[in-house]
Amino acid sequence: MVGEWGACSVTCGAGLQQREVVCVSQLQNGSYISTLDLYCSGPKPPTTHTCETQHCHVLWETSEWTKCSSECGRGIRRRTVTCTDPQGRCDIASQRTGEEPCEDHTHCNEWKTGVWSKCSSTCGRGLQSRVVHYNVIKGHVMKKSTPTPSHSPDSWL
């Protein structure tokens, strides 16, 4: 007696199906009983075989993006992209990118202040001053511009 194939052991990729295979003998009254395999003629049919239901949709695992490689202007940010399939069978066409362009302008401009001068008075109230530059950085070239009083550091006391 050969049973029907069972369900595949996996929902995607290669798996196994099983079925029951039993040697039976028919009694005089027409009923069947199981018996030893040696009493059956011919080779025993297989009880398992491979099955593949559908291609597994393997996901790519990604790390967090790194900081932008530039703090002033265009740069590149990177991340690690790893195939999660144990056999490494990942579809390269669906692989996520490991690097992309980025822009960061957090350190493009900066205030540069000089040292304070000596006080104008040796006794009581006096004045001190210092040079203040607002540097606009373009790539690696810095150009000086005049500070705007409302946003500049204190230039005198």
N, C-alpha and C. Protein backbone atom coordinates (compact mmCIF):
# COMPACT_ATOMS: atom_id res chain seq x y z
N MET A 1 0.85 -1.16 0.00
CA MET A 1 0.00 0.00 0.00
C MET A 1 0.91 1.24 0.00
N VAL A 2 0.64 2.17 -0.91
CA VAL A 2 1.43 3.39 -1.03
C VAL A 2 0.51 4.57 -0.75
N GLY A 3 0.88 5.39 0.26
CA GLY A 3 0.06 6.55 0.62
C GLY A 3 0.36 7.77 -0.25
N GLU A 4 -0.42 8.81 -0.05
CA GLU A 4 -0.22 10.08 -0.77
C GLU A 4 0.97 10.82 -0.18
N TRP A 5 1.61 11.64 -1.01
CA TRP A 5 2.71 12.46 -0.53
C TRP A 5 2.19 13.51 0.45
N GLY A 6 2.91 13.70 1.53
CA GLY A 6 2.55 14.74 2.51
C GLY A 6 3.00 16.11 2.02
N ALA A 7 2.75 17.10 2.81
CA ALA A 7 3.14 18.47 2.47
C ALA A 7 4.66 18.59 2.49
N CYS A 8 5.18 19.53 1.72
CA CYS A 8 6.62 19.79 1.70
C CYS A 8 7.04 20.31 3.08
N SER A 9 8.23 19.94 3.52
CA SER A 9 8.70 20.30 4.87
C SER A 9 9.06 21.78 5.00
N VAL A 10 9.16 22.51 3.89
CA VAL A 10 9.47 23.94 3.93
C VAL A 10 8.46 24.70 3.06
N THR A 11 8.32 25.98 3.33
CA THR A 11 7.39 26.79 2.53
C THR A 11 8.08 27.42 1.32
N CYS A 12 9.41 27.45 1.33
CA CYS A 12 10.15 27.92 0.16
C CYS A 12 11.50 27.24 0.13
N GLY A 13 12.06 27.11 -1.06
CA GLY A 13 13.35 26.45 -1.19
C GLY A 13 13.19 24.94 -1.25
N ALA A 14 14.29 24.20 -1.09
CA ALA A 14 14.28 22.74 -1.18
C ALA A 14 13.93 22.11 0.16
N GLY A 15 13.00 21.16 0.13
CA GLY A 15 12.59 20.46 1.33
C GLY A 15 12.34 18.99 1.03
N LEU A 16 11.62 18.31 1.92
CA LEU A 16 11.30 16.89 1.75
C LEU A 16 9.81 16.65 1.89
N GLN A 17 9.31 15.67 1.12
CA GLN A 17 7.95 15.17 1.28
C GLN A 17 8.05 13.71 1.70
N GLN A 18 7.11 13.28 2.54
CA GLN A 18 7.11 11.90 3.00
C GLN A 18 5.76 11.26 2.69
N ARG A 19 5.80 9.95 2.60
CA ARG A 19 4.57 9.18 2.44
C ARG A 19 4.75 7.83 3.11
N GLU A 20 3.64 7.19 3.39
CA GLU A 20 3.67 5.88 4.02
C GLU A 20 3.70 4.80 2.94
N VAL A 21 4.62 3.86 3.08
CA VAL A 21 4.71 2.71 2.17
C VAL A 21 4.74 1.46 3.05
N VAL A 22 3.70 0.64 2.93
CA VAL A 22 3.56 -0.54 3.79
C VAL A 22 3.29 -1.77 2.92
N CYS A 23 3.98 -2.85 3.23
CA CYS A 23 3.71 -4.12 2.55
C CYS A 23 2.48 -4.75 3.21
N VAL A 24 1.47 -5.09 2.42
CA VAL A 24 0.24 -5.67 2.97
C VAL A 24 -0.04 -7.01 2.30
N SER A 25 -0.77 -7.82 3.01
CA SER A 25 -1.19 -9.12 2.48
C SER A 25 -2.71 -9.20 2.60
N GLN A 26 -3.35 -9.75 1.55
CA GLN A 26 -4.81 -9.85 1.57
C GLN A 26 -5.21 -11.20 2.17
N LEU A 27 -6.10 -11.12 3.13
CA LEU A 27 -6.60 -12.33 3.77
C LEU A 27 -7.71 -12.95 2.92
N GLN A 28 -8.13 -14.17 3.26
CA GLN A 28 -9.17 -14.87 2.51
C GLN A 28 -10.50 -14.14 2.56
N ASN A 29 -10.76 -13.40 3.63
CA ASN A 29 -12.03 -12.68 3.74
C ASN A 29 -12.02 -11.35 2.99
N GLY A 30 -10.87 -11.02 2.33
CA GLY A 30 -10.78 -9.79 1.53
C GLY A 30 -10.16 -8.61 2.26
N SER A 31 -9.93 -8.72 3.56
CA SER A 31 -9.31 -7.61 4.29
C SER A 31 -7.79 -7.68 4.15
N TYR A 32 -7.13 -6.59 4.49
CA TYR A 32 -5.68 -6.49 4.36
C TYR A 32 -5.03 -6.34 5.73
N ILE A 33 -3.81 -6.93 5.86
CA ILE A 33 -3.00 -6.74 7.06
C ILE A 33 -1.57 -6.40 6.62
N SER A 34 -0.89 -5.63 7.44
CA SER A 34 0.51 -5.32 7.11
C SER A 34 1.38 -6.53 7.42
N THR A 35 2.43 -6.67 6.61
CA THR A 35 3.33 -7.80 6.76
C THR A 35 4.76 -7.33 6.52
N LEU A 36 5.72 -8.20 6.65
CA LEU A 36 7.12 -7.86 6.44
C LEU A 36 7.37 -7.53 4.96
N ASP A 37 8.32 -6.59 4.73
CA ASP A 37 8.65 -6.15 3.36
C ASP A 37 9.11 -7.31 2.47
N LEU A 38 9.72 -8.35 3.06
CA LEU A 38 10.24 -9.46 2.25
C LEU A 38 9.13 -10.26 1.57
N TYR A 39 7.88 -10.10 2.01
CA TYR A 39 6.77 -10.82 1.40
C TYR A 39 6.18 -10.05 0.21
N CYS A 40 6.66 -8.82 -0.04
CA CYS A 40 6.17 -8.04 -1.18
C CYS A 40 7.11 -8.23 -2.36
N SER A 41 6.56 -8.23 -3.56
CA SER A 41 7.38 -8.40 -4.77
C SER A 41 7.81 -7.04 -5.30
N GLY A 42 8.97 -7.02 -5.95
CA GLY A 42 9.48 -5.79 -6.56
C GLY A 42 10.14 -4.88 -5.55
N PRO A 43 10.80 -3.83 -6.07
CA PRO A 43 11.47 -2.90 -5.16
C PRO A 43 10.46 -2.05 -4.37
N LYS A 44 10.86 -1.72 -3.17
CA LYS A 44 9.99 -0.90 -2.32
C LYS A 44 10.00 0.54 -2.84
N PRO A 45 8.84 1.16 -3.04
CA PRO A 45 8.79 2.56 -3.49
C PRO A 45 9.41 3.48 -2.43
N PRO A 46 9.98 4.60 -2.86
CA PRO A 46 10.59 5.52 -1.90
C PRO A 46 9.56 6.13 -0.95
N THR A 47 10.02 6.38 0.29
CA THR A 47 9.13 6.99 1.28
C THR A 47 9.34 8.50 1.39
N THR A 48 10.44 9.00 0.83
CA THR A 48 10.70 10.45 0.82
C THR A 48 11.21 10.88 -0.55
N HIS A 49 10.98 12.13 -0.88
CA HIS A 49 11.61 12.72 -2.06
C HIS A 49 11.69 14.23 -1.86
N THR A 50 12.59 14.85 -2.63
CA THR A 50 12.79 16.29 -2.48
C THR A 50 11.65 17.05 -3.14
N CYS A 51 11.40 18.23 -2.61
CA CYS A 51 10.37 19.10 -3.17
C CYS A 51 10.86 20.54 -3.09
N GLU A 52 10.38 21.36 -3.99
CA GLU A 52 10.71 22.79 -3.96
C GLU A 52 9.43 23.53 -4.30
N THR A 53 8.86 24.19 -3.31
CA THR A 53 7.57 24.84 -3.51
C THR A 53 7.69 26.13 -4.30
N GLN A 54 8.57 27.01 -3.89
CA GLN A 54 8.80 28.28 -4.59
C GLN A 54 10.16 28.82 -4.18
N HIS A 55 10.67 29.75 -4.95
CA HIS A 55 11.96 30.37 -4.64
C HIS A 55 11.81 31.21 -3.37
N CYS A 56 12.76 31.07 -2.46
CA CYS A 56 12.72 31.87 -1.23
C CYS A 56 13.06 33.32 -1.55
N HIS A 57 12.30 34.22 -1.00
CA HIS A 57 12.58 35.64 -1.14
C HIS A 57 13.47 36.04 0.03
N VAL A 58 14.75 35.93 -0.19
CA VAL A 58 15.72 36.19 0.87
C VAL A 58 15.91 37.70 1.01
N LEU A 59 15.86 38.16 2.23
CA LEU A 59 16.04 39.58 2.49
C LEU A 59 17.50 39.88 2.74
N TRP A 60 17.88 41.07 2.36
CA TRP A 60 19.21 41.57 2.64
C TRP A 60 19.15 42.32 3.96
N GLU A 61 20.07 42.05 4.85
CA GLU A 61 20.13 42.74 6.14
C GLU A 61 21.14 43.88 6.02
N THR A 62 20.75 45.05 6.51
CA THR A 62 21.63 46.21 6.40
C THR A 62 21.93 46.80 7.77
N SER A 63 23.13 47.34 7.91
CA SER A 63 23.50 48.04 9.14
C SER A 63 23.02 49.49 9.03
N GLU A 64 23.22 50.25 10.09
CA GLU A 64 22.91 51.68 10.06
C GLU A 64 23.89 52.38 9.13
N TRP A 65 23.45 53.50 8.56
CA TRP A 65 24.34 54.31 7.71
C TRP A 65 25.43 54.95 8.57
N THR A 66 26.63 55.08 8.03
CA THR A 66 27.70 55.82 8.70
C THR A 66 27.41 57.31 8.56
N LYS A 67 28.18 58.12 9.29
CA LYS A 67 28.08 59.57 9.10
C LYS A 67 28.60 59.89 7.71
N CYS A 68 28.18 61.02 7.19
CA CYS A 68 28.66 61.48 5.88
C CYS A 68 30.18 61.67 5.96
N SER A 69 30.89 61.31 4.90
CA SER A 69 32.35 61.41 4.90
C SER A 69 32.84 62.86 4.87
N SER A 70 31.96 63.79 4.56
CA SER A 70 32.33 65.21 4.55
C SER A 70 31.47 65.96 5.55
N GLU A 71 32.08 66.89 6.27
CA GLU A 71 31.31 67.73 7.20
C GLU A 71 30.99 69.08 6.57
N CYS A 72 31.48 69.27 5.35
CA CYS A 72 31.18 70.50 4.63
C CYS A 72 31.07 70.19 3.15
N GLY A 73 29.87 69.91 2.70
CA GLY A 73 29.64 69.64 1.29
C GLY A 73 29.27 68.20 1.02
N ARG A 74 29.59 67.77 -0.20
CA ARG A 74 29.21 66.42 -0.65
C ARG A 74 30.20 65.37 -0.18
N GLY A 75 29.65 64.20 0.15
CA GLY A 75 30.47 63.08 0.58
C GLY A 75 29.75 61.77 0.30
N ILE A 76 30.19 60.71 0.97
CA ILE A 76 29.61 59.38 0.82
C ILE A 76 29.29 58.84 2.21
N ARG A 77 28.13 58.18 2.33
CA ARG A 77 27.85 57.44 3.56
C ARG A 77 27.73 55.97 3.19
N ARG A 78 28.11 55.10 4.12
CA ARG A 78 28.19 53.67 3.83
C ARG A 78 27.43 52.85 4.88
N ARG A 79 27.10 51.61 4.49
CA ARG A 79 26.51 50.65 5.41
C ARG A 79 26.88 49.25 4.94
N THR A 80 26.82 48.29 5.84
CA THR A 80 27.11 46.89 5.50
C THR A 80 25.82 46.23 5.03
N VAL A 81 25.90 45.48 3.93
CA VAL A 81 24.75 44.75 3.39
C VAL A 81 25.10 43.27 3.41
N THR A 82 24.30 42.46 4.14
CA THR A 82 24.60 41.04 4.34
C THR A 82 23.44 40.19 3.87
N CYS A 83 23.75 39.11 3.15
CA CYS A 83 22.74 38.14 2.71
C CYS A 83 22.37 37.26 3.91
N THR A 84 21.07 37.10 4.18
CA THR A 84 20.63 36.31 5.34
C THR A 84 20.41 34.83 5.02
N ASP A 85 20.56 34.43 3.75
CA ASP A 85 20.38 33.03 3.38
C ASP A 85 21.60 32.22 3.82
N PRO A 86 21.40 31.11 4.58
CA PRO A 86 22.54 30.32 5.07
C PRO A 86 23.43 29.78 3.95
N GLN A 87 22.86 29.49 2.79
CA GLN A 87 23.66 28.99 1.66
C GLN A 87 24.19 30.12 0.79
N GLY A 88 23.90 31.36 1.14
CA GLY A 88 24.39 32.49 0.37
C GLY A 88 23.72 32.67 -0.97
N ARG A 89 22.51 32.12 -1.14
CA ARG A 89 21.79 32.21 -2.41
C ARG A 89 20.92 33.45 -2.43
N CYS A 90 21.53 34.59 -2.53
CA CYS A 90 20.77 35.84 -2.57
C CYS A 90 20.78 36.40 -3.98
N ASP A 91 19.67 37.00 -4.34
CA ASP A 91 19.53 37.60 -5.65
C ASP A 91 20.26 38.93 -5.67
N ILE A 92 21.37 38.98 -6.41
CA ILE A 92 22.19 40.19 -6.48
C ILE A 92 21.38 41.36 -7.02
N ALA A 93 20.45 41.09 -7.92
CA ALA A 93 19.65 42.17 -8.50
C ALA A 93 18.81 42.89 -7.45
N SER A 94 18.45 42.19 -6.36
CA SER A 94 17.63 42.82 -5.32
C SER A 94 18.47 43.34 -4.15
N GLN A 95 19.80 43.25 -4.27
CA GLN A 95 20.67 43.70 -3.18
C GLN A 95 20.56 45.20 -2.97
N ARG A 96 20.44 45.60 -1.73
CA ARG A 96 20.39 47.02 -1.40
C ARG A 96 21.77 47.63 -1.53
N THR A 97 21.80 48.92 -1.75
CA THR A 97 23.08 49.61 -1.95
C THR A 97 23.84 49.73 -0.63
N GLY A 98 25.17 49.66 -0.73
CA GLY A 98 26.03 49.77 0.45
C GLY A 98 26.61 51.16 0.63
N GLU A 99 26.44 52.03 -0.38
CA GLU A 99 26.90 53.41 -0.22
C GLU A 99 26.05 54.32 -1.09
N GLU A 100 25.97 55.56 -0.65
CA GLU A 100 25.19 56.55 -1.38
C GLU A 100 25.76 57.94 -1.12
N PRO A 101 25.50 58.87 -2.03
CA PRO A 101 25.99 60.23 -1.82
C PRO A 101 25.23 60.91 -0.68
N CYS A 102 25.89 61.86 -0.03
CA CYS A 102 25.27 62.62 1.05
C CYS A 102 25.84 64.03 1.04
N GLU A 103 25.17 64.91 1.75
CA GLU A 103 25.64 66.29 1.90
C GLU A 103 25.49 66.70 3.34
N ASP A 104 26.52 67.33 3.86
CA ASP A 104 26.51 67.81 5.23
C ASP A 104 27.12 69.21 5.23
N HIS A 105 26.46 70.14 5.88
CA HIS A 105 26.96 71.52 5.91
C HIS A 105 27.12 72.02 7.35
N THR A 106 27.23 71.09 8.30
CA THR A 106 27.29 71.50 9.71
C THR A 106 28.57 72.24 10.07
N HIS A 107 29.67 72.00 9.36
CA HIS A 107 30.93 72.66 9.69
C HIS A 107 31.47 73.49 8.53
N CYS A 108 30.57 74.04 7.72
CA CYS A 108 31.01 74.84 6.57
C CYS A 108 31.39 76.26 6.97
N ASN A 109 30.83 76.78 8.01
CA ASN A 109 31.10 78.15 8.44
C ASN A 109 31.52 78.12 9.89
N GLU A 110 32.45 79.01 10.24
CA GLU A 110 32.89 79.04 11.63
C GLU A 110 33.38 80.43 12.01
N TRP A 111 33.23 80.73 13.28
CA TRP A 111 33.76 81.97 13.83
C TRP A 111 35.18 81.72 14.30
N LYS A 112 36.08 82.62 13.97
CA LYS A 112 37.46 82.57 14.47
C LYS A 112 37.70 83.85 15.25
N THR A 113 38.09 83.70 16.49
CA THR A 113 38.32 84.88 17.33
C THR A 113 39.78 84.98 17.72
N GLY A 114 40.28 86.20 17.75
CA GLY A 114 41.65 86.45 18.17
C GLY A 114 41.73 86.59 19.68
N VAL A 115 42.90 86.92 20.18
CA VAL A 115 43.09 87.09 21.62
C VAL A 115 42.62 88.48 22.03
N TRP A 116 42.21 88.62 23.27
CA TRP A 116 41.77 89.91 23.78
C TRP A 116 42.98 90.84 23.93
N SER A 117 42.75 92.10 23.63
CA SER A 117 43.81 93.12 23.83
C SER A 117 43.92 93.44 25.32
N LYS A 118 44.96 94.21 25.66
CA LYS A 118 45.08 94.67 27.05
C LYS A 118 43.96 95.65 27.31
N CYS A 119 43.58 95.73 28.55
CA CYS A 119 42.53 96.67 28.94
C CYS A 119 43.04 98.10 28.72
N SER A 120 42.14 98.98 28.27
CA SER A 120 42.52 100.37 27.98
C SER A 120 42.73 101.19 29.26
N SER A 121 42.35 100.64 30.38
CA SER A 121 42.50 101.36 31.64
C SER A 121 43.20 100.47 32.66
N THR A 122 44.04 101.08 33.48
CA THR A 122 44.70 100.31 34.53
C THR A 122 43.90 100.36 35.82
N CYS A 123 42.91 101.25 35.87
CA CYS A 123 42.11 101.39 37.07
C CYS A 123 40.68 101.72 36.65
N GLY A 124 39.68 101.03 37.21
CA GLY A 124 38.28 101.30 36.89
C GLY A 124 37.87 100.62 35.59
N ARG A 125 36.86 101.22 34.96
CA ARG A 125 36.34 100.63 33.71
C ARG A 125 37.24 100.97 32.54
N GLY A 126 37.35 100.00 31.61
CA GLY A 126 38.12 100.20 30.40
C GLY A 126 37.53 99.34 29.28
N LEU A 127 38.24 99.30 28.18
CA LEU A 127 37.79 98.50 27.03
C LEU A 127 38.86 97.49 26.63
N GLN A 128 38.38 96.36 26.14
CA GLN A 128 39.23 95.36 25.52
C GLN A 128 38.62 95.03 24.17
N SER A 129 39.44 94.64 23.22
CA SER A 129 38.91 94.26 21.91
C SER A 129 39.65 93.04 21.39
N ARG A 130 39.10 92.45 20.37
CA ARG A 130 39.74 91.33 19.69
C ARG A 130 39.23 91.27 18.26
N VAL A 131 39.98 90.60 17.40
CA VAL A 131 39.59 90.43 16.00
C VAL A 131 38.67 89.23 15.90
N VAL A 132 37.57 89.38 15.14
CA VAL A 132 36.62 88.30 14.92
C VAL A 132 36.42 88.14 13.42
N HIS A 133 36.61 86.93 12.92
CA HIS A 133 36.39 86.62 11.50
C HIS A 133 35.33 85.54 11.40
N TYR A 134 34.49 85.66 10.40
CA TYR A 134 33.52 84.62 10.08
C TYR A 134 34.04 83.94 8.82
N ASN A 135 34.49 82.69 8.93
CA ASN A 135 35.08 81.97 7.80
C ASN A 135 34.03 81.12 7.11
N VAL A 136 33.91 81.30 5.81
CA VAL A 136 33.04 80.47 4.99
C VAL A 136 33.94 79.48 4.27
N ILE A 137 33.75 78.20 4.56
CA ILE A 137 34.62 77.17 4.00
C ILE A 137 33.98 76.62 2.72
N LYS A 138 34.71 76.64 1.64
CA LYS A 138 34.27 76.04 0.37
C LYS A 138 35.30 74.97 0.04
N GLY A 139 34.96 73.71 0.24
CA GLY A 139 35.94 72.65 0.06
C GLY A 139 37.03 72.82 1.09
N HIS A 140 38.27 73.12 0.66
CA HIS A 140 39.38 73.35 1.58
C HIS A 140 39.82 74.80 1.57
N VAL A 141 39.13 75.65 0.82
CA VAL A 141 39.50 77.06 0.73
C VAL A 141 38.61 77.85 1.67
N MET A 142 39.21 78.70 2.49
CA MET A 142 38.43 79.52 3.41
C MET A 142 38.52 80.96 2.95
N LYS A 143 37.39 81.65 2.95
CA LYS A 143 37.44 83.08 2.67
C LYS A 143 36.83 83.81 3.84
N LYS A 144 37.39 84.95 4.15
CA LYS A 144 36.93 85.71 5.31
C LYS A 144 35.82 86.64 4.88
N SER A 145 34.85 86.79 5.76
CA SER A 145 33.78 87.75 5.51
C SER A 145 33.56 88.57 6.78
N THR A 146 32.87 89.64 6.64
CA THR A 146 32.61 90.52 7.77
C THR A 146 31.52 89.92 8.63
N PRO A 147 31.71 89.89 9.94
CA PRO A 147 30.68 89.32 10.81
C PRO A 147 29.46 90.22 10.87
N THR A 148 28.32 89.59 11.07
CA THR A 148 27.10 90.36 11.30
C THR A 148 26.97 90.50 12.81
N PRO A 149 26.83 91.72 13.32
CA PRO A 149 26.83 91.94 14.77
C PRO A 149 25.81 91.11 15.54
N SER A 150 24.63 90.86 14.98
CA SER A 150 23.60 90.15 15.73
C SER A 150 23.95 88.68 15.93
N HIS A 151 24.86 88.12 15.12
CA HIS A 151 25.20 86.71 15.24
C HIS A 151 26.66 86.47 15.58
N SER A 152 27.44 87.50 15.77
CA SER A 152 28.86 87.32 16.02
C SER A 152 29.13 87.14 17.51
N PRO A 153 30.28 86.51 17.84
CA PRO A 153 30.65 86.40 19.25
C PRO A 153 30.94 87.81 19.79
N ASP A 154 30.95 87.93 21.11
CA ASP A 154 31.28 89.23 21.70
C ASP A 154 32.64 89.69 21.21
N SER A 155 32.72 90.92 20.72
CA SER A 155 34.00 91.43 20.23
C SER A 155 34.59 92.47 21.17
N TRP A 156 33.85 92.88 22.19
CA TRP A 156 34.39 93.80 23.18
C TRP A 156 33.66 93.64 24.50
N LEU A 157 34.27 94.11 25.54
CA LEU A 157 33.65 94.09 26.88
C LEU A 157 33.55 95.48 27.42
